[in-house]
Amino acid sequence: MNLSGIFVAAKPEWLPSVVAELNALPGVEVHQVDEATGRIVVVQEAADIPAEIEGLKRIKALPHVVTAEMVYHYLADDRQVYDDLPAELVEQDSPACAVPAYLND
């Protein structure tokens, strides 16, 4: 089991819709919402690293999500042996690990 702490941002006027969409995703639970700023903290539970990455991609693809970034990762019981990083984390142009534009300033 892998747990991810994910920061999500949405425009405040779309917050109820985004929170509902997040809560509908399998393995995702909304833990904190700041209605004034549109900031959301979610925890995602996934079976392994590839499932964790796919979950983050699903969150990023939701309508009205401005940004979603994994800020915490906990690997509890993943028995798979990884010889290399998953390809999604190595590819420069991957949306799963692309550097957000606001960090390039």
N, C-alpha and C. Protein backbone atom coordinates (compact mmCIF):
# COMPACT_ATOMS: atom_id res chain seq x y z
N MET A 1 0.84 -1.17 0.00
CA MET A 1 0.00 0.00 0.00
C MET A 1 0.89 1.24 0.00
N ASN A 2 0.57 2.16 -0.87
CA ASN A 2 1.26 3.45 -0.94
C ASN A 2 0.28 4.54 -0.56
N LEU A 3 0.76 5.48 0.22
CA LEU A 3 -0.05 6.64 0.56
C LEU A 3 0.64 7.88 0.02
N SER A 4 -0.15 8.77 -0.56
CA SER A 4 0.38 10.03 -1.10
C SER A 4 -0.37 11.19 -0.47
N GLY A 5 0.37 12.19 -0.05
CA GLY A 5 -0.23 13.47 0.32
C GLY A 5 -0.15 14.36 -0.90
N ILE A 6 -1.29 14.85 -1.36
CA ILE A 6 -1.34 15.62 -2.60
C ILE A 6 -1.98 16.98 -2.33
N PHE A 7 -1.28 18.03 -2.77
CA PHE A 7 -1.80 19.39 -2.72
C PHE A 7 -2.52 19.66 -4.03
N VAL A 8 -3.76 20.15 -3.92
CA VAL A 8 -4.56 20.48 -5.10
C VAL A 8 -5.02 21.92 -4.96
N ALA A 9 -4.99 22.66 -6.05
CA ALA A 9 -5.49 24.03 -6.04
C ALA A 9 -6.56 24.19 -7.13
N ALA A 10 -7.60 24.92 -6.78
CA ALA A 10 -8.68 25.23 -7.71
C ALA A 10 -9.13 26.66 -7.43
N LYS A 11 -9.75 27.28 -8.42
CA LYS A 11 -10.32 28.61 -8.16
C LYS A 11 -11.44 28.44 -7.15
N PRO A 12 -11.53 29.35 -6.17
CA PRO A 12 -12.52 29.20 -5.10
C PRO A 12 -13.95 28.99 -5.60
N GLU A 13 -14.32 29.59 -6.72
CA GLU A 13 -15.69 29.43 -7.21
C GLU A 13 -15.99 28.00 -7.72
N TRP A 14 -14.95 27.24 -8.02
CA TRP A 14 -15.11 25.87 -8.48
C TRP A 14 -14.82 24.85 -7.38
N LEU A 15 -14.52 25.30 -6.19
CA LEU A 15 -14.10 24.42 -5.11
C LEU A 15 -15.11 23.30 -4.80
N PRO A 16 -16.40 23.59 -4.64
CA PRO A 16 -17.34 22.49 -4.33
C PRO A 16 -17.34 21.40 -5.40
N SER A 17 -17.27 21.81 -6.66
CA SER A 17 -17.25 20.84 -7.76
C SER A 17 -15.98 20.00 -7.73
N VAL A 18 -14.83 20.64 -7.53
CA VAL A 18 -13.56 19.92 -7.50
C VAL A 18 -13.51 18.96 -6.31
N VAL A 19 -13.98 19.39 -5.15
CA VAL A 19 -13.98 18.53 -3.96
C VAL A 19 -14.87 17.30 -4.21
N ALA A 20 -16.02 17.50 -4.82
CA ALA A 20 -16.91 16.37 -5.12
C ALA A 20 -16.25 15.40 -6.09
N GLU A 21 -15.57 15.92 -7.11
CA GLU A 21 -14.88 15.07 -8.08
C GLU A 21 -13.73 14.30 -7.42
N LEU A 22 -13.01 14.96 -6.54
CA LEU A 22 -11.92 14.29 -5.83
C LEU A 22 -12.44 13.16 -4.96
N ASN A 23 -13.50 13.43 -4.21
CA ASN A 23 -14.08 12.41 -3.33
C ASN A 23 -14.64 11.23 -4.10
N ALA A 24 -14.96 11.42 -5.38
CA ALA A 24 -15.50 10.34 -6.20
C ALA A 24 -14.42 9.43 -6.77
N LEU A 25 -13.17 9.87 -6.72
CA LEU A 25 -12.08 9.06 -7.25
C LEU A 25 -11.76 7.90 -6.29
N PRO A 26 -11.49 6.71 -6.83
CA PRO A 26 -11.16 5.59 -5.96
C PRO A 26 -9.83 5.82 -5.23
N GLY A 27 -9.85 5.56 -3.93
CA GLY A 27 -8.63 5.67 -3.14
C GLY A 27 -8.26 7.08 -2.72
N VAL A 28 -9.10 8.07 -3.05
CA VAL A 28 -8.80 9.46 -2.74
C VAL A 28 -9.76 9.96 -1.66
N GLU A 29 -9.19 10.65 -0.67
CA GLU A 29 -9.99 11.23 0.41
C GLU A 29 -9.54 12.67 0.65
N VAL A 30 -10.49 13.59 0.63
CA VAL A 30 -10.20 15.00 0.90
C VAL A 30 -10.09 15.17 2.41
N HIS A 31 -8.98 15.79 2.86
CA HIS A 31 -8.76 15.97 4.29
C HIS A 31 -8.86 17.43 4.74
N GLN A 32 -8.54 18.36 3.88
CA GLN A 32 -8.55 19.76 4.28
C GLN A 32 -8.92 20.61 3.08
N VAL A 33 -9.78 21.62 3.32
CA VAL A 33 -10.19 22.53 2.26
C VAL A 33 -10.11 23.95 2.80
N ASP A 34 -9.46 24.84 2.06
CA ASP A 34 -9.42 26.26 2.40
C ASP A 34 -10.29 26.97 1.37
N GLU A 35 -11.50 27.32 1.77
CA GLU A 35 -12.47 27.90 0.85
C GLU A 35 -12.03 29.26 0.31
N ALA A 36 -11.28 30.02 1.08
CA ALA A 36 -10.87 31.35 0.64
C ALA A 36 -9.82 31.30 -0.47
N THR A 37 -8.93 30.30 -0.42
CA THR A 37 -7.84 30.24 -1.39
C THR A 37 -8.00 29.15 -2.44
N GLY A 38 -8.92 28.22 -2.22
CA GLY A 38 -9.09 27.11 -3.16
C GLY A 38 -8.07 26.00 -2.99
N ARG A 39 -7.40 25.98 -1.86
CA ARG A 39 -6.39 24.95 -1.60
C ARG A 39 -7.04 23.72 -0.95
N ILE A 40 -6.60 22.56 -1.41
CA ILE A 40 -7.17 21.30 -0.95
C ILE A 40 -6.02 20.34 -0.64
N VAL A 41 -6.15 19.59 0.44
CA VAL A 41 -5.19 18.55 0.78
C VAL A 41 -5.93 17.22 0.71
N VAL A 42 -5.38 16.31 -0.10
CA VAL A 42 -5.98 14.98 -0.23
C VAL A 42 -4.95 13.92 0.10
N VAL A 43 -5.45 12.76 0.51
CA VAL A 43 -4.62 11.58 0.69
C VAL A 43 -5.11 10.55 -0.30
N GLN A 44 -4.17 9.96 -1.00
CA GLN A 44 -4.49 8.92 -1.98
C GLN A 44 -3.86 7.61 -1.52
N GLU A 45 -4.63 6.55 -1.57
CA GLU A 45 -4.11 5.22 -1.28
C GLU A 45 -4.06 4.45 -2.60
N ALA A 46 -2.91 3.83 -2.88
CA ALA A 46 -2.73 3.07 -4.12
C ALA A 46 -1.97 1.79 -3.82
N ALA A 47 -2.13 0.83 -4.71
CA ALA A 47 -1.50 -0.48 -4.51
C ALA A 47 0.02 -0.44 -4.70
N ASP A 48 0.48 0.38 -5.65
CA ASP A 48 1.90 0.43 -5.96
C ASP A 48 2.23 1.78 -6.59
N ILE A 49 3.50 1.97 -6.95
CA ILE A 49 3.94 3.25 -7.50
C ILE A 49 3.26 3.58 -8.83
N PRO A 50 3.16 2.64 -9.77
CA PRO A 50 2.46 2.99 -11.01
C PRO A 50 1.00 3.42 -10.77
N ALA A 51 0.31 2.76 -9.86
CA ALA A 51 -1.07 3.15 -9.55
C ALA A 51 -1.11 4.53 -8.89
N GLU A 52 -0.11 4.82 -8.10
CA GLU A 52 0.00 6.12 -7.45
C GLU A 52 0.17 7.24 -8.49
N ILE A 53 1.02 6.99 -9.47
CA ILE A 53 1.26 7.97 -10.53
C ILE A 53 -0.01 8.16 -11.36
N GLU A 54 -0.70 7.07 -11.69
CA GLU A 54 -1.94 7.17 -12.46
C GLU A 54 -2.99 7.96 -11.68
N GLY A 55 -3.05 7.76 -10.38
CA GLY A 55 -3.99 8.51 -9.56
C GLY A 55 -3.70 10.00 -9.58
N LEU A 56 -2.43 10.37 -9.52
CA LEU A 56 -2.05 11.77 -9.59
C LEU A 56 -2.43 12.36 -10.95
N LYS A 57 -2.22 11.59 -12.01
CA LYS A 57 -2.60 12.04 -13.35
C LYS A 57 -4.11 12.28 -13.43
N ARG A 58 -4.90 11.39 -12.83
CA ARG A 58 -6.36 11.56 -12.84
C ARG A 58 -6.76 12.85 -12.12
N ILE A 59 -6.10 13.12 -11.00
CA ILE A 59 -6.41 14.34 -10.25
C ILE A 59 -6.05 15.57 -11.08
N LYS A 60 -4.87 15.56 -11.70
CA LYS A 60 -4.45 16.70 -12.53
C LYS A 60 -5.40 16.94 -13.70
N ALA A 61 -6.04 15.88 -14.19
CA ALA A 61 -6.92 15.99 -15.36
C ALA A 61 -8.34 16.43 -15.02
N LEU A 62 -8.67 16.53 -13.74
CA LEU A 62 -10.03 16.93 -13.37
C LEU A 62 -10.32 18.36 -13.84
N PRO A 63 -11.55 18.61 -14.26
CA PRO A 63 -11.91 19.97 -14.66
C PRO A 63 -11.72 20.95 -13.50
N HIS A 64 -11.19 22.11 -13.81
CA HIS A 64 -11.04 23.23 -12.87
C HIS A 64 -9.93 23.03 -11.84
N VAL A 65 -9.11 21.98 -11.97
CA VAL A 65 -7.93 21.84 -11.12
C VAL A 65 -6.83 22.70 -11.73
N VAL A 66 -6.32 23.65 -10.96
CA VAL A 66 -5.25 24.53 -11.43
C VAL A 66 -3.91 23.81 -11.36
N THR A 67 -3.67 23.15 -10.25
CA THR A 67 -2.45 22.36 -10.08
C THR A 67 -2.70 21.25 -9.07
N ALA A 68 -1.94 20.19 -9.20
CA ALA A 68 -1.97 19.09 -8.23
C ALA A 68 -0.55 18.54 -8.17
N GLU A 69 0.00 18.49 -6.98
CA GLU A 69 1.38 18.03 -6.81
C GLU A 69 1.48 17.10 -5.60
N MET A 70 2.19 16.01 -5.79
CA MET A 70 2.44 15.10 -4.69
C MET A 70 3.50 15.72 -3.78
N VAL A 71 3.18 15.88 -2.52
CA VAL A 71 4.12 16.49 -1.59
C VAL A 71 4.61 15.51 -0.53
N TYR A 72 3.97 14.34 -0.48
CA TYR A 72 4.37 13.33 0.51
C TYR A 72 4.09 11.96 -0.07
N HIS A 73 4.98 11.03 0.20
CA HIS A 73 4.81 9.66 -0.27
C HIS A 73 5.23 8.71 0.84
N TYR A 74 4.40 7.71 1.10
CA TYR A 74 4.72 6.70 2.09
C TYR A 74 4.53 5.33 1.46
N LEU A 75 5.55 4.53 1.49
CA LEU A 75 5.52 3.18 0.93
C LEU A 75 5.45 2.20 2.09
N ALA A 76 4.31 1.55 2.25
CA ALA A 76 4.13 0.69 3.40
C ALA A 76 4.39 -0.78 3.09
N ASP A 77 3.81 -1.28 2.03
CA ASP A 77 3.78 -2.72 1.84
C ASP A 77 3.99 -3.14 0.40
N ASP A 78 4.64 -2.34 -0.39
CA ASP A 78 4.85 -2.66 -1.80
C ASP A 78 5.94 -3.71 -1.89
N ARG A 79 5.59 -4.91 -2.25
CA ARG A 79 6.56 -6.01 -2.30
C ARG A 79 7.26 -6.11 -3.66
N GLN A 80 6.86 -5.29 -4.59
CA GLN A 80 7.50 -5.30 -5.90
C GLN A 80 8.89 -4.69 -5.78
N VAL A 81 9.86 -5.31 -6.42
CA VAL A 81 11.23 -4.80 -6.42
C VAL A 81 11.39 -3.92 -7.65
N TYR A 82 11.82 -2.69 -7.44
CA TYR A 82 12.02 -1.74 -8.53
C TYR A 82 13.51 -1.60 -8.79
N ASP A 83 13.95 -2.04 -9.94
CA ASP A 83 15.36 -1.91 -10.32
C ASP A 83 15.67 -0.51 -10.82
N ASP A 84 14.68 0.14 -11.40
CA ASP A 84 14.83 1.49 -11.94
C ASP A 84 13.59 2.30 -11.57
N LEU A 85 13.71 3.60 -11.75
CA LEU A 85 12.54 4.45 -11.57
C LEU A 85 11.51 4.12 -12.65
N PRO A 86 10.21 4.22 -12.33
CA PRO A 86 9.20 4.04 -13.37
C PRO A 86 9.43 5.05 -14.50
N ALA A 87 9.14 4.64 -15.71
CA ALA A 87 9.39 5.48 -16.89
C ALA A 87 8.72 6.84 -16.76
N GLU A 88 7.55 6.90 -16.13
CA GLU A 88 6.83 8.16 -15.98
C GLU A 88 7.63 9.18 -15.18
N LEU A 89 8.49 8.70 -14.30
CA LEU A 89 9.28 9.61 -13.48
C LEU A 89 10.60 9.99 -14.13
N VAL A 90 10.98 9.26 -15.17
CA VAL A 90 12.23 9.53 -15.85
C VAL A 90 12.02 10.46 -17.04
N GLU A 91 10.89 10.31 -17.74
CA GLU A 91 10.61 11.09 -18.95
C GLU A 91 10.54 12.57 -18.62
N GLN A 92 11.26 13.37 -19.37
CA GLN A 92 11.30 14.81 -19.14
C GLN A 92 9.97 15.49 -19.39
N ASP A 93 9.22 15.02 -20.39
CA ASP A 93 7.98 15.69 -20.77
C ASP A 93 6.75 15.08 -20.13
N SER A 94 6.91 14.21 -19.17
CA SER A 94 5.78 13.55 -18.54
C SER A 94 4.97 14.53 -17.69
N PRO A 95 3.63 14.58 -17.90
CA PRO A 95 2.82 15.48 -17.07
C PRO A 95 2.78 15.06 -15.60
N ALA A 96 3.12 13.79 -15.32
CA ALA A 96 3.10 13.33 -13.93
C ALA A 96 4.19 13.96 -13.10
N CYS A 97 5.30 14.34 -13.74
CA CYS A 97 6.41 14.88 -12.97
C CYS A 97 6.96 16.16 -13.57
N ALA A 98 6.21 16.79 -14.45
CA ALA A 98 6.67 18.03 -15.04
C ALA A 98 6.80 19.11 -13.98
N VAL A 99 7.80 19.93 -14.11
CA VAL A 99 7.99 21.03 -13.17
C VAL A 99 6.92 22.08 -13.44
N PRO A 100 6.13 22.43 -12.41
CA PRO A 100 5.08 23.44 -12.63
C PRO A 100 5.69 24.77 -13.10
N ALA A 101 4.98 25.44 -13.97
CA ALA A 101 5.48 26.68 -14.56
C ALA A 101 5.85 27.72 -13.50
N TYR A 102 5.09 27.78 -12.40
CA TYR A 102 5.37 28.79 -11.38
C TYR A 102 6.70 28.56 -10.67
N LEU A 103 7.26 27.36 -10.78
CA LEU A 103 8.57 27.10 -10.16
C LEU A 103 9.72 27.44 -11.10
N ASN A 104 9.42 27.69 -12.36
CA ASN A 104 10.45 28.03 -13.33
C ASN A 104 10.77 29.51 -13.35
N ASP A 105 10.04 30.31 -12.62
CA ASP A 105 10.27 31.77 -12.60
C ASP A 105 11.49 32.14 -11.81
